[in-house]
Protein backbone atom coordinates (compact mmCIF):
# COMPACT_ATOMS: atom_id res chain seq x y z
CA MET A 1 44.38 -21.50 5.29
CA ARG A 2 41.96 -21.03 8.17
CA ARG A 3 42.90 -17.34 8.37
CA LEU A 4 42.24 -16.97 4.64
CA ALA A 5 38.84 -18.62 4.95
CA SER A 6 37.96 -16.32 7.86
CA LEU A 7 39.04 -13.29 5.85
CA ILE A 8 36.94 -14.35 2.86
CA ALA A 9 33.93 -14.92 5.11
CA ALA A 10 34.37 -11.49 6.66
CA LEU A 11 34.51 -9.82 3.26
CA ILE A 12 31.43 -11.52 1.80
CA PRO A 13 28.96 -9.02 3.33
CA ILE A 14 31.04 -6.11 2.02
CA TYR A 15 31.15 -7.51 -1.51
CA ALA A 16 27.40 -8.17 -1.32
CA PHE A 17 26.92 -4.42 -1.03
CA ALA A 18 28.89 -3.66 -4.18
CA GLN A 19 25.50 -3.25 -5.86
CA THR A 20 23.87 0.00 -4.86
CA GLY A 21 20.83 1.90 -6.02
CA GLU A 22 18.95 5.06 -5.20
CA TRP A 23 15.40 6.24 -5.67
CA GLY A 24 13.85 9.68 -5.28
CA ALA A 25 16.94 11.86 -4.84
CA ARG A 26 16.16 15.43 -3.87
CA GLY A 27 17.78 18.25 -1.95
CA VAL A 28 16.73 20.52 0.90
CA SER A 29 18.48 23.88 0.51
CA ARG A 30 20.43 24.99 3.58
CA ARG A 31 22.50 27.83 2.19
CA PHE A 32 22.57 29.85 -1.03
CA VAL A 33 25.48 31.67 -2.63
CA ILE A 34 24.63 33.88 -5.61
CA ASP A 35 27.09 34.55 -8.43
CA GLY A 36 25.47 36.63 -11.17
CA GLN A 37 22.67 34.56 -12.71
CA ARG A 38 23.76 31.39 -10.93
CA VAL A 39 22.70 30.22 -7.50
CA PHE A 40 24.75 27.61 -5.69
CA ALA A 41 22.89 25.65 -3.00
CA ALA A 42 24.17 23.39 -0.25
CA ASP A 43 21.21 21.03 -0.19
CA GLY A 44 22.15 18.23 2.17
CA ARG A 45 22.83 15.62 -0.49
CA GLY A 46 25.54 17.82 -2.02
CA VAL A 47 25.55 20.93 -4.19
CA ALA A 48 23.01 22.09 -6.78
CA VAL A 49 23.68 24.85 -9.31
CA TYR A 50 20.68 26.79 -10.63
CA ASP A 51 20.37 29.18 -13.56
CA VAL A 52 17.94 31.98 -12.62
CA SER A 53 18.40 34.09 -15.74
CA GLN A 54 15.01 33.03 -17.16
CA SER A 55 11.47 32.99 -15.83
CA THR A 56 11.84 29.22 -15.46
CA VAL A 57 14.64 28.21 -13.09
CA GLN A 58 16.88 25.46 -14.43
CA ARG A 59 19.11 23.18 -12.41
CA LYS A 60 22.32 23.11 -14.44
CA ALA A 61 24.35 20.77 -12.26
CA ALA A 62 24.21 18.69 -9.10
CA VAL A 63 26.91 16.73 -7.29
CA GLU A 64 26.62 14.42 -4.30
CA THR A 65 29.08 14.93 -1.48
CA ALA A 66 30.46 12.00 0.51
CA THR A 67 28.32 12.96 3.50
CA GLU A 68 25.65 15.55 4.23
CA SER A 69 26.51 19.03 2.95
CA LEU A 70 26.11 21.88 5.44
CA ASP A 71 27.31 25.11 3.83
CA LEU A 72 29.31 26.48 0.92
CA ALA A 73 31.28 29.52 -0.24
CA LEU A 74 32.90 30.76 -3.47
CA LEU A 75 36.63 31.48 -3.28
CA SER A 76 36.21 32.80 -6.83
CA ASP A 77 33.68 32.37 -9.63
CA ARG A 78 35.56 29.19 -10.61
CA ASP A 79 36.41 27.83 -7.15
CA LEU A 80 33.78 26.48 -4.73
CA VAL A 81 34.25 25.02 -1.25
CA VAL A 82 31.62 22.95 0.56
CA ALA A 83 31.39 22.04 4.25
CA THR A 84 30.28 18.49 5.05
CA HIS A 85 30.19 16.30 8.12
CA VAL A 86 33.68 14.97 7.32
CA GLY A 87 35.49 18.13 6.27
CA VAL A 88 35.61 20.63 3.43
CA ASP A 89 35.43 19.62 -0.25
CA ARG A 90 36.68 21.80 -3.08
CA TYR A 91 35.24 21.98 -6.62
CA SER A 92 36.23 23.61 -9.86
CA VAL A 93 33.31 25.48 -11.44
CA ALA A 94 33.11 25.32 -15.24
CA ALA A 95 31.65 28.07 -17.40
CA ASP A 96 28.42 26.08 -17.76
CA GLY A 97 28.13 25.66 -13.98
CA SER A 98 29.21 22.02 -13.84
CA LEU A 99 31.35 21.02 -10.87
CA THR A 100 34.51 18.90 -10.76
CA PRO A 101 35.99 17.80 -7.42
CA THR A 102 39.58 18.96 -6.97
CA ASN A 103 40.55 18.39 -3.35
CA GLY A 104 39.35 17.54 0.14
CA TYR A 105 40.33 18.98 3.51
CA PRO A 106 39.21 16.59 6.26
CA ASP A 107 41.02 18.64 8.91
CA ILE A 108 38.63 21.57 8.46
CA ALA A 109 35.58 20.43 10.43
CA ALA A 110 33.34 23.34 9.46
CA THR A 111 29.62 23.95 9.83
CA ILE A 112 29.57 27.51 8.39
CA LEU A 113 31.77 29.01 5.67
CA ALA A 114 32.39 32.52 4.34
CA SER A 115 34.94 33.82 1.83
CA ASN A 116 36.07 37.24 0.65
CA GLY A 117 38.18 35.77 -2.17
CA ARG A 118 41.44 36.08 -0.25
CA TYR A 119 40.52 34.12 2.85
CA LEU A 120 38.13 31.38 3.84
CA ALA A 121 36.53 31.57 7.28
CA ALA A 122 35.08 28.44 8.88
CA ALA A 123 33.08 28.03 12.05
CA THR A 124 34.02 24.82 13.86
CA ALA A 125 33.06 23.28 17.19
CA ALA A 126 36.23 24.72 18.75
CA GLY A 127 36.07 28.22 17.28
CA ILE A 128 36.59 30.30 14.13
CA GLY A 129 39.42 29.51 11.72
CA ILE A 130 40.61 31.78 8.93
CA TRP A 131 42.58 30.09 6.13
CA GLN A 132 44.39 31.60 3.21
CA ALA A 133 42.78 30.79 -0.13
CA ASP A 134 45.02 27.73 -0.61
CA LEU A 135 43.24 26.19 2.44
CA VAL A 136 46.61 24.93 3.65
CA HIS A 137 47.96 27.83 5.67
CA ILE A 138 45.86 29.07 8.58
CA ALA A 139 46.04 32.81 9.18
CA LEU A 140 44.11 33.01 12.45
CA PHE A 141 42.24 30.84 14.90
CA PHE A 142 39.79 32.35 17.37
CA PRO A 143 38.61 29.89 20.04
CA SER A 144 35.03 30.08 21.28
CA MET A 145 32.93 28.23 23.83
CA GLN A 146 29.78 28.28 21.69
CA PRO A 147 29.25 27.78 17.96
CA ALA A 148 28.88 30.77 15.70
CA SER A 149 25.55 31.26 13.96
CA ALA A 150 26.77 33.29 10.97
CA LEU A 151 29.89 34.66 9.28
CA ALA A 152 30.35 37.59 6.88
CA TRP A 153 33.24 39.70 5.57
CA HIS A 154 33.83 43.45 5.44
CA GLY A 155 37.08 43.75 3.54
CA ASP A 156 39.57 41.61 5.45
CA THR A 157 37.58 41.85 8.68
CA LEU A 158 35.55 38.78 9.54
CA ILE A 159 32.23 39.38 11.30
CA ALA A 160 31.36 36.40 13.48
CA ALA A 161 27.89 36.29 15.07
CA PHE A 162 27.10 34.49 18.33
CA PRO A 163 23.45 34.38 19.48
CA GLY A 164 22.89 35.72 22.96
CA THR A 165 26.49 36.92 23.16
CA GLY A 166 27.52 39.36 20.46
CA ILE A 167 29.61 39.95 17.36
CA TYR A 168 33.38 39.54 17.14
CA LEU A 169 35.27 41.48 14.47
CA LEU A 170 38.39 39.52 13.55
CA ASP A 171 41.23 40.98 11.49
CA ALA A 172 42.42 38.23 9.13
CA SER A 173 45.97 39.61 9.14
CA GLY A 174 46.11 39.42 12.94
CA SER A 175 47.50 42.95 13.11
CA ARG A 176 44.86 44.18 15.58
CA ASP A 177 42.94 42.69 18.47
CA PRO A 178 39.35 41.55 17.94
CA ASP A 179 36.59 44.10 18.48
CA PHE A 180 33.32 43.17 20.13
CA VAL A 181 29.77 44.43 19.59
CA SER A 182 27.11 43.42 22.11
CA GLU A 183 24.14 42.08 20.13
CA ASN A 184 21.90 39.02 20.17
CA ALA A 185 23.31 38.21 16.74
CA ARG A 186 21.50 35.36 14.98
CA ASP A 187 22.52 36.39 11.46
CA VAL A 188 24.45 39.21 9.78
CA ALA A 189 24.58 40.80 6.32
CA VAL A 190 27.01 43.37 4.90
CA ASP A 191 26.12 45.89 2.17
CA GLY A 192 29.00 48.25 1.41
CA ASP A 193 30.07 49.79 4.72
CA THR A 194 26.82 48.89 6.48
CA LEU A 195 26.28 45.90 8.72
CA TYR A 196 22.76 44.61 9.35
CA VAL A 197 22.13 42.30 12.30
CA ALA A 198 19.15 40.00 12.74
CA ALA A 199 18.99 40.27 16.52
CA GLY A 200 16.00 38.08 17.33
CA VAL A 201 13.49 39.90 19.51
CA ASN A 202 15.93 42.80 19.69
CA GLY A 203 14.96 43.70 16.14
CA ILE A 204 17.22 44.68 13.27
CA ALA A 205 20.32 46.65 14.22
CA THR A 206 22.21 48.73 11.64
CA TYR A 207 25.91 49.60 12.10
CA ASP A 208 28.31 51.84 10.21
CA MET A 209 31.48 49.81 9.56
CA SER A 210 33.54 52.64 8.06
CA GLY A 211 35.04 53.58 11.42
CA ASP A 212 36.60 51.74 14.35
CA PRO A 213 34.69 50.73 16.38
CA PRO A 214 31.43 50.23 14.41
CA LYS A 215 28.75 52.83 15.12
CA LEU A 216 25.11 51.93 15.79
CA LEU A 217 22.90 53.83 13.34
CA SER A 218 19.43 52.47 14.08
CA ARG A 219 17.34 49.70 15.57
CA ILE A 220 13.87 48.79 14.30
CA ASP A 221 11.06 46.37 15.16
CA ALA A 222 12.49 45.39 18.54
CA GLY A 223 10.03 43.43 20.66
CA ASP A 224 7.44 42.92 17.93
CA ARG A 225 9.35 40.47 15.74
CA ASN A 226 11.88 37.65 16.12
CA PHE A 227 14.36 37.87 13.25
CA ALA A 228 16.61 34.91 12.47
CA ARG A 229 17.89 35.40 8.88
CA ILE A 230 18.93 38.52 7.03
CA ALA A 231 20.17 39.50 3.55
CA ALA A 232 20.77 42.79 1.78
CA GLY A 233 21.21 44.08 -1.77
CA GLY A 234 19.87 46.50 -4.36
CA GLY A 235 18.65 49.00 -1.81
CA ARG A 236 16.58 46.40 0.01
CA LEU A 237 16.94 44.52 3.25
CA TYR A 238 15.25 41.14 3.71
CA ALA A 239 14.67 39.75 7.19
CA ALA A 240 13.11 36.35 7.92
CA GLU A 241 11.28 35.10 10.98
CA LEU A 242 11.25 31.32 11.16
CA PRO A 243 9.40 29.45 9.94
CA ASP A 244 7.29 31.53 7.55
CA THR A 245 7.50 35.35 7.57
CA ILE A 246 9.64 37.63 5.39
CA SER A 247 9.91 41.41 5.83
CA ILE A 248 11.30 43.72 3.13
CA TYR A 249 12.79 47.11 4.04
CA ASP A 250 13.89 50.06 1.94
CA ILE A 251 17.47 50.85 3.05
CA ARG A 252 18.16 53.85 0.84
CA SER A 253 18.00 56.00 3.98
CA VAL A 254 19.78 55.56 7.31
CA THR A 255 16.85 53.88 9.04
CA PRO A 256 15.33 50.90 7.19
CA ALA A 257 11.68 51.49 6.28
CA LEU A 258 9.23 48.62 5.99
CA ALA A 259 8.09 48.15 2.37
CA ALA A 260 6.31 44.77 2.51
CA ARG A 261 5.74 41.77 4.73
CA PHE A 262 4.46 38.39 3.53
CA ASN A 263 4.20 34.76 4.54
CA GLU A 264 6.41 32.15 2.93
CA PRO A 265 8.10 29.02 4.33
CA VAL A 266 11.65 30.21 4.94
CA GLN A 267 14.82 28.87 6.52
CA THR A 268 17.36 30.07 3.95
CA ILE A 269 17.63 33.40 2.12
CA ALA A 270 20.12 35.18 -0.11
CA ALA A 271 19.83 38.46 -2.04
CA ALA A 272 21.29 39.84 -5.25
CA GLY A 273 20.06 43.19 -6.50
CA THR A 274 16.30 43.36 -6.10
CA ARG A 275 15.88 39.58 -6.18
CA LEU A 276 15.55 37.33 -3.18
CA CYS A 277 16.25 33.58 -3.18
CA VAL A 278 14.27 31.59 -0.62
CA SER A 279 13.97 28.01 0.55
CA GLY A 280 11.75 26.83 3.36
CA THR A 281 10.23 23.88 5.16
CA VAL A 282 6.70 23.53 6.54
CA PHE A 283 6.61 22.51 10.21
CA ASP A 284 3.64 21.06 12.06
CA GLN A 285 2.61 21.95 15.62
CA PHE A 286 5.27 19.61 16.97
CA GLY A 287 8.06 21.06 14.87
CA LEU A 288 8.24 18.07 12.50
CA PRO A 289 9.13 18.94 8.89
CA THR A 290 7.51 18.48 5.51
CA GLU A 291 9.33 19.91 2.52
CA THR A 292 7.59 22.18 0.04
CA GLY A 293 9.00 20.62 -3.11
CA ALA A 294 10.53 23.99 -4.06
CA PRO A 295 14.22 23.98 -3.06
CA LEU A 296 14.56 27.41 -4.69
CA ARG A 297 12.00 30.19 -5.09
CA VAL A 298 12.93 33.59 -6.52
CA PHE A 299 11.10 36.77 -5.47
CA ASP A 300 11.16 40.33 -6.73
CA GLY A 301 9.85 42.22 -3.78
CA SER A 302 7.04 40.11 -2.34
CA ASN A 303 6.16 38.68 -5.76
CA ALA A 304 7.32 35.16 -6.61
CA VAL A 305 8.74 35.32 -10.12
CA ALA A 306 10.34 31.89 -10.57
CA GLU A 307 10.90 28.58 -8.81
CA PHE A 308 12.37 25.13 -9.24
CA ARG A 309 10.12 22.17 -8.41
CA ASP A 310 11.40 18.84 -7.16
CA LEU A 311 10.36 15.91 -5.01
CA ALA A 312 9.48 16.99 -1.49
CA GLY A 313 9.77 14.57 1.45
CA PRO A 314 11.67 13.95 3.61
CA VAL A 315 12.14 10.24 2.90
CA SER A 316 11.67 9.35 6.55
CA GLY A 317 10.46 5.75 6.85
CA VAL A 318 11.01 2.36 5.22
CA ALA A 319 10.19 -1.31 5.69
CA THR A 320 11.05 -4.16 3.35
CA ASP A 321 10.56 -7.83 2.60
CA GLY A 322 13.67 -7.85 0.41
CA THR A 323 11.70 -7.38 -2.82
CA LEU A 324 9.47 -4.41 -2.07
CA ALA A 325 10.21 -1.34 0.03
CA TYR A 326 7.32 0.47 1.71
CA VAL A 327 8.38 4.07 1.96
CA ILE A 328 7.19 7.20 3.77
CA ASP A 329 7.92 10.13 1.47
CA ARG A 330 5.70 12.83 2.94
CA PRO A 331 2.93 13.31 2.03
CA TYR A 332 3.02 10.01 0.12
CA PHE A 333 3.04 6.35 1.04
CA ARG A 334 5.02 4.69 -1.75
CA VAL A 335 5.78 1.13 -2.77
CA ILE A 336 9.17 0.72 -4.44
CA ASP A 337 10.33 -2.39 -6.29
CA VAL A 338 13.90 -2.90 -4.99
CA SER A 339 14.42 -6.42 -6.38
CA THR A 340 16.96 -5.10 -8.91
CA THR A 341 19.22 -3.19 -6.58
CA THR A 342 20.68 -0.77 -9.09
CA THR A 343 17.33 0.32 -10.55
CA PRO A 344 14.66 0.66 -7.85
CA ARG A 345 11.34 1.81 -9.28
CA ALA A 346 8.11 3.13 -7.80
CA ILE A 347 5.10 0.92 -8.49
CA ALA A 348 2.54 2.76 -6.35
CA SER A 349 2.04 6.08 -4.58
CA LEU A 350 -0.81 7.03 -2.27
CA LEU A 351 -1.39 10.55 -0.93
CA VAL A 352 -2.17 10.29 2.80
CA ASP A 353 -3.36 13.26 4.86
CA GLY A 354 -1.47 13.51 8.14
CA ILE A 355 0.82 10.61 7.25
CA GLY A 356 3.27 9.49 9.93
CA ASP A 357 7.04 9.33 9.58
CA ARG A 358 7.77 5.63 10.17
CA VAL A 359 6.43 2.31 8.90
CA ARG A 360 6.41 -1.38 9.83
CA VAL A 361 5.10 -4.25 7.72
CA SER A 362 3.64 -7.62 8.69
CA GLY A 363 2.36 -9.76 5.83
CA ASN A 364 -0.27 -7.83 3.93
CA ARG A 365 -0.48 -5.05 6.49
CA ALA A 366 1.63 -1.96 7.01
CA VAL A 367 1.33 0.31 10.01
CA VAL A 368 2.35 3.97 9.65
CA TYR A 369 3.14 5.96 12.79
CA GLY A 370 5.31 8.67 14.28
CA ARG A 371 3.09 11.76 14.67
CA GLY A 372 0.47 10.51 17.14
CA ASP A 373 -1.95 8.71 14.81
CA VAL A 374 -1.65 5.12 13.61
CA GLN A 375 -2.59 4.44 9.99
CA LEU A 376 -3.19 0.82 9.02
CA MET A 377 -2.48 0.21 5.34
CA ASP A 378 -3.69 -2.73 3.27
CA VAL A 379 -0.77 -3.72 1.01
CA SER A 380 -2.17 -7.05 -0.17
CA ASN A 381 -2.04 -5.53 -3.65
CA PRO A 382 1.22 -3.56 -3.56
CA TYR A 383 0.29 -1.87 -6.83
CA ALA A 384 -2.75 -0.30 -5.18
CA PRO A 385 -2.21 0.17 -1.42
CA ARG A 386 -5.09 1.64 0.54
CA ILE A 387 -5.78 3.05 3.98
CA ALA A 388 -7.79 0.54 5.98
CA LYS A 389 -8.35 2.44 9.22
CA VAL A 390 -6.84 5.20 11.36
CA PHE A 391 -6.46 5.30 15.15
CA HIS A 392 -6.23 8.70 16.81
CA ALA A 393 -4.08 8.32 19.91
CA PHE A 394 -4.59 11.92 21.08
CA GLY A 395 -0.86 12.00 21.62
CA GLY A 396 2.08 13.41 19.78
CA PRO A 397 5.54 12.65 18.47
CA PRO A 398 7.67 10.77 18.88
CA SER A 399 5.12 7.97 18.69
CA ASN A 400 5.73 4.32 17.90
CA ALA A 401 3.73 1.29 16.86
CA ALA A 402 4.17 -2.47 16.51
CA PHE A 403 2.16 -5.60 15.71
CA ALA A 404 1.28 -7.93 18.61
CA ARG A 405 -1.14 -10.88 18.65
CA ASN A 406 -4.28 -9.75 16.78
CA THR A 407 -3.77 -6.13 17.77
CA ILE A 408 -1.56 -3.15 17.12
CA LEU A 409 0.38 -1.50 19.91
CA GLU A 410 0.96 2.24 20.04
CA GLY A 411 3.02 4.28 22.47
CA ASN A 412 3.84 7.95 22.78
CA GLN A 413 5.14 10.35 25.37
CA TYR A 414 1.81 12.14 25.83
CA SER A 415 -1.06 9.69 26.09
CA GLY A 416 0.64 6.45 27.05
CA PHE A 417 0.71 2.84 25.83
CA HIS A 418 -2.30 1.59 23.87
CA VAL A 419 -3.50 -1.81 22.73
CA ILE A 420 -5.66 -1.18 19.65
CA ASP A 421 -8.25 -3.48 18.09
CA PHE A 422 -8.40 -2.72 14.37
CA VAL A 423 -10.59 -5.75 13.58
CA ASN A 424 -13.72 -5.90 15.69
CA PHE A 425 -14.90 -2.28 15.62
CA PRO A 426 -16.02 0.04 12.81
CA ASP A 427 -13.35 2.44 14.02
CA PRO A 428 -10.17 1.24 15.74
CA GLY A 429 -10.66 1.14 19.48
CA GLN A 430 -8.34 1.04 22.45
CA ILE A 431 -8.98 -2.12 24.46
CA GLY A 432 -6.08 -1.91 26.89
CA GLY A 433 -3.36 0.47 27.98
CA ILE A 434 -0.81 1.68 30.51
CA LYS A 435 -0.19 5.26 31.58
CA GLY A 436 3.28 6.66 31.06
CA HIS A 437 5.61 8.28 28.58
CA TYR A 438 6.76 5.98 25.76
CA PHE A 439 9.53 6.84 23.30
CA ASP A 440 10.23 3.56 21.50
CA LEU A 441 8.32 0.31 21.03
CA VAL A 442 9.04 -3.04 19.39
CA SER A 443 7.47 -6.50 19.36
CA ASP A 444 7.90 -9.72 17.37
CA GLY A 445 4.14 -10.01 16.97
CA GLY A 446 3.69 -12.29 19.98
CA ASP A 447 2.70 -11.77 23.61
CA VAL A 448 5.53 -9.44 24.68
CA ALA A 449 6.60 -5.92 23.76
CA TYR A 450 9.68 -3.90 24.71
CA ALA A 451 9.39 -0.16 25.25
CA SER A 452 11.48 2.84 26.17
CA VAL A 453 9.69 4.47 29.11
CA ASN A 454 10.53 8.10 29.91
CA ALA A 455 13.50 7.65 27.51
CA VAL A 456 15.29 6.14 30.52
CA THR A 457 14.22 2.54 31.08
CA LEU A 458 13.78 -0.46 28.81
CA SER A 459 10.56 -2.09 29.99
CA THR A 460 9.18 -5.53 29.17
CA ILE A 461 5.40 -5.48 28.69
CA ASP A 462 3.21 -8.59 28.78
CA VAL A 463 0.31 -8.23 26.32
CA ALA A 464 -0.99 -11.81 26.52
CA ASN A 465 -4.10 -10.30 28.09
CA VAL A 466 -4.66 -7.52 25.57
CA ARG A 467 -7.18 -5.81 27.85
CA ASP A 468 -4.79 -5.69 30.80
CA PRO A 469 -1.15 -5.28 29.67
CA GLN A 470 1.42 -5.34 32.45
CA ILE A 471 5.00 -4.09 32.81
CA LEU A 472 7.02 -7.10 33.98
CA ASN A 473 10.50 -5.61 34.50
CA SER A 474 12.62 -2.58 33.63
CA ALA A 475 16.30 -1.76 33.14
CA THR A 476 17.74 1.76 33.27
CA ILE A 477 19.87 1.94 30.12
CA GLY A 478 18.71 5.05 28.18
CA PRO A 479 17.23 3.17 25.19
CA VAL A 480 16.78 5.07 21.93
CA HIS A 481 15.87 2.49 19.29
CA SER A 482 15.25 -1.27 19.36
CA GLU A 483 14.79 -4.06 16.86
CA ILE A 484 14.26 -7.82 17.23
CA ALA A 485 16.46 -10.33 15.41
CA PRO A 486 14.65 -13.64 14.89
CA ALA A 487 16.24 -16.85 16.14
CA THR A 488 18.69 -18.60 13.82
CA ASP A 489 20.98 -21.63 14.11
CA HIS A 490 23.56 -19.31 15.68
CA HIS A 491 21.54 -17.49 18.32
CA PRO A 492 18.17 -17.31 20.05
CA GLU A 493 15.81 -14.45 19.34
CA LEU A 494 17.67 -11.24 20.20
CA LEU A 495 16.63 -7.77 21.27
CA VAL A 496 19.07 -5.26 19.75
CA VAL A 497 18.99 -1.91 21.56
CA GLN A 498 20.81 1.27 20.62
CA THR A 499 21.21 3.36 23.75
CA LEU A 500 22.71 6.77 24.36
CA SER A 501 26.05 5.15 25.14
CA GLY A 502 26.25 2.01 23.02
CA LEU A 503 24.69 -1.14 21.60
CA ARG A 504 23.15 -3.70 23.96
CA LEU A 505 22.08 -7.22 23.07
CA TYR A 506 19.55 -9.24 25.06
CA SER A 507 18.71 -12.90 24.69
CA LEU A 508 14.97 -13.49 24.40
CA SER A 509 15.16 -17.20 25.14
CA ASP A 510 12.68 -16.25 27.84
CA PRO A 511 10.86 -13.31 26.17
CA ARG A 512 9.44 -12.10 29.49
CA ASN A 513 12.89 -11.87 31.05
CA PRO A 514 15.42 -10.42 28.60
CA ALA A 515 18.99 -11.34 29.57
CA GLU A 516 21.77 -8.96 28.57
CA ILE A 517 24.59 -10.78 26.81
CA ASN A 518 26.62 -7.94 25.28
CA PHE A 519 27.30 -4.23 25.59
CA THR A 520 29.53 -2.38 23.13
CA PRO A 521 30.07 1.40 23.39
CA THR A 522 29.35 3.30 20.16
CA PRO A 523 30.54 6.82 19.30
CA ALA A 524 27.19 7.72 17.70
CA VAL A 525 23.52 7.05 18.38
CA ASN A 526 22.65 4.87 15.40
CA VAL A 527 19.57 3.87 13.47
CA VAL A 528 19.26 0.06 13.63
CA ALA A 529 18.04 -2.68 11.28
CA VAL A 530 18.34 -6.46 11.61
CA ASP A 531 18.33 -9.38 9.18
CA ARG A 532 18.81 -12.84 10.73
CA ASP A 533 22.54 -13.02 11.64
CA ALA A 534 23.26 -9.38 10.82
CA ALA A 535 22.50 -6.05 12.40
CA TYR A 536 23.15 -2.75 10.65
CA LEU A 537 23.97 0.53 12.38
CA ALA A 538 23.75 3.80 10.48
CA SER A 539 24.69 7.33 11.45
CA SER A 540 25.60 10.33 9.33
CA GLY A 541 28.48 9.22 7.13
CA MET A 542 28.79 5.60 8.26
CA VAL A 543 27.01 2.25 8.02
CA GLN A 544 28.34 -0.71 9.97
CA LEU A 545 27.60 -4.41 9.76
CA VAL A 546 27.39 -6.18 13.11
CA ASP A 547 27.90 -9.95 12.95
CA LEU A 548 25.38 -11.61 15.29
CA THR A 549 26.57 -15.19 14.82
CA ASN A 550 28.33 -14.94 18.19
CA PRO A 551 26.28 -12.44 20.22
CA ALA A 552 28.71 -12.56 23.14
CA ARG A 553 31.57 -11.29 20.93
CA LEU A 554 30.35 -8.85 18.32
CA THR A 555 32.37 -7.67 15.33
CA PHE A 556 31.68 -4.29 13.74
CA THR A 557 32.62 -3.80 10.08
CA PRO A 558 32.21 -0.50 8.21
CA ILE A 559 30.74 -1.43 4.83
CA GLY A 560 31.58 1.72 2.92
CA ILE A 561 28.13 2.71 1.68
CA PRO A 562 26.75 6.26 1.72
CA SER A 563 24.62 7.42 4.61
CA PHE A 564 23.74 11.10 4.80
CA SER A 565 20.93 11.50 7.31
CA PRO A 566 19.42 8.07 8.07
CA MET A 567 15.92 8.21 9.55
CA GLN A 568 14.84 4.55 9.39
CA MET A 569 16.40 1.37 7.99
CA ALA A 570 15.13 -2.09 7.15
CA ALA A 571 16.76 -5.31 5.97
CA ALA A 572 15.59 -8.66 4.62
CA LYS A 573 17.02 -11.41 2.39
CA GLY A 574 20.40 -9.70 2.32
CA LYS A 575 18.88 -6.43 1.06
CA LEU A 576 19.39 -3.24 3.08
CA VAL A 577 17.27 -0.13 2.46
CA ILE A 578 17.77 3.26 4.12
CA ALA A 579 15.29 6.12 4.35
CA ASP A 580 18.07 8.67 4.14
CA ARG A 581 16.08 11.93 4.21
CA TYR A 582 17.22 12.99 0.73
CA SER A 583 16.51 9.66 -1.01
CA LEU A 584 15.87 5.95 -0.58
CA ARG A 585 19.17 4.06 -0.71
CA VAL A 586 19.26 0.37 -1.65
CA PHE A 587 22.15 -2.05 -1.12
CA GLY A 588 22.77 -5.76 -1.54
CA PRO A 589 22.13 -8.56 -4.01
CA ASN A 590 19.26 -8.75 -6.45
CA THR A 591 16.23 -10.55 -5.07
CA ALA A 592 13.12 -12.18 -6.53
CA PRO A 593 10.98 -9.72 -8.51
CA PRO A 594 7.48 -8.92 -7.29
CA ALA A 595 4.48 -10.67 -8.76
CA PRO A 596 2.98 -8.80 -11.71
CA PRO A 597 -0.03 -6.59 -11.04
CA PRO A 598 -3.33 -8.45 -10.95
CA THR A 599 -5.28 -8.33 -14.19
CA ARG A 600 -8.85 -7.15 -14.22
CA ARG A 601 -11.35 -9.56 -15.60
CA ARG A 602 -13.40 -8.25 -18.44
CA PRO A 603 -17.13 -8.39 -17.81
CA ALA A 604 -18.85 -11.29 -19.57
CA LEU A 605 -20.74 -10.42 -22.70
CA HIS A 606 -24.42 -11.29 -22.70
């Protein structure tokens, strides 16, 4: 009987997550495959199918994969395979473009795929595998010490590109030894018997594949450009320099001739005839992304002729009180009603210039951080949030912030640790600080903060004297992310720290002297959230519940909810929300609804 009661108690949290919801789903195209007037896109959340036959692009179908999608290939016009973090999925493609899952191949741990209709090639961490079209029988495996950057077929010869090394030509039948071409091969494209190589600063190399070995025909733009992506078709060659330059060449003669060059956010390209399909991300000076909201743009030459518009993002930050979720969905700060788990709804959106990536909430205040600045938001009316003040830290990402006493703390790796007074000055002012390099920061709002210094040590900082904060002690543990679990009947206040090697728990019975009470190795570096007696760990493909009722003996339970690319999590009142890059995910029981929006009083009539 006792065992049954224990089992039921262990399952309660899992059943509580039977209710799931999602807000703001969108994709970020990583790879295109073109089949006539249809474009298939691996977009992180799964696969999207676009019809580009008209001037207005239509998304005809979209499916969500079990984990983040990485690449895709067509075995035929009715047979699609998709690489994810947990293997390869297979879909049947209907005449209208809709997709039906048919099989999964967890043993194929691929990051890049390419098919010639007879074989499927897959780049894995251990090397290049070539499978027959049934995906059961492997025809060839070619081990490699570094991952391939691109795959393409010329007949039954697989062309495998390795940056800084060269190109291996692999015969799928295994009847001849691999050939090798010395090139800084970042990407490759095949058009008939011609191979084009995006060779970084070594330009674009053109090879004749009709003989053995391949013959170099030409090399252009070496030294001046830095080519990373390449596609060919319809007498044109398209070469992309990340993050925002596309060159078009006429390839009707032996040596490609430049026809046009233009600026466009670009990470992914594919060509069919004279049309070019493009998707790109905008990066700031620190390399942090903001999506364009156009997962597919179609060009004819350098002229954009069609596009599909969607939500942008990424959904990178979230905080919650169990009823409302405060979300960073660049460039917007959004308030989402998550009280009914299955139907989250946006109740407010505020465009914020230079918005950070992460958010914390304390009462009627939210602090947004992550890119160097700290933006204090007034959320006393969640239907109309507003920016109260902004502090410029003159630092850069990754930056962190937390509430402490009557101040806000900020730390970053460039300009140090700052105690900021947002109350007593027209503009927020630094009133205290410590030099150093800070990568993570957390506080319970009291007199003590805990910070990752140099990404090596966990340091305890006394901020009782806000004008003279002091580091009290440090432990070398490689901290990555920390959260504080408030005291309950089962445990004192706890500091939960995800490190490079595992999860560490510290008792904060004496906040100025954290005492380690548990270390559990973890296979992944997780995003962490806490809610009283529970901690949640999320990595790509897995969310785990950690029972904190006995901190000395932790239990980890996978709770079987989707997690694609978690960036920040928050939990309260049994509700878990995940900023999962491609959407906001909501799990747990329904909670109290938010108060209705305040009504405006009508002016008195005189």
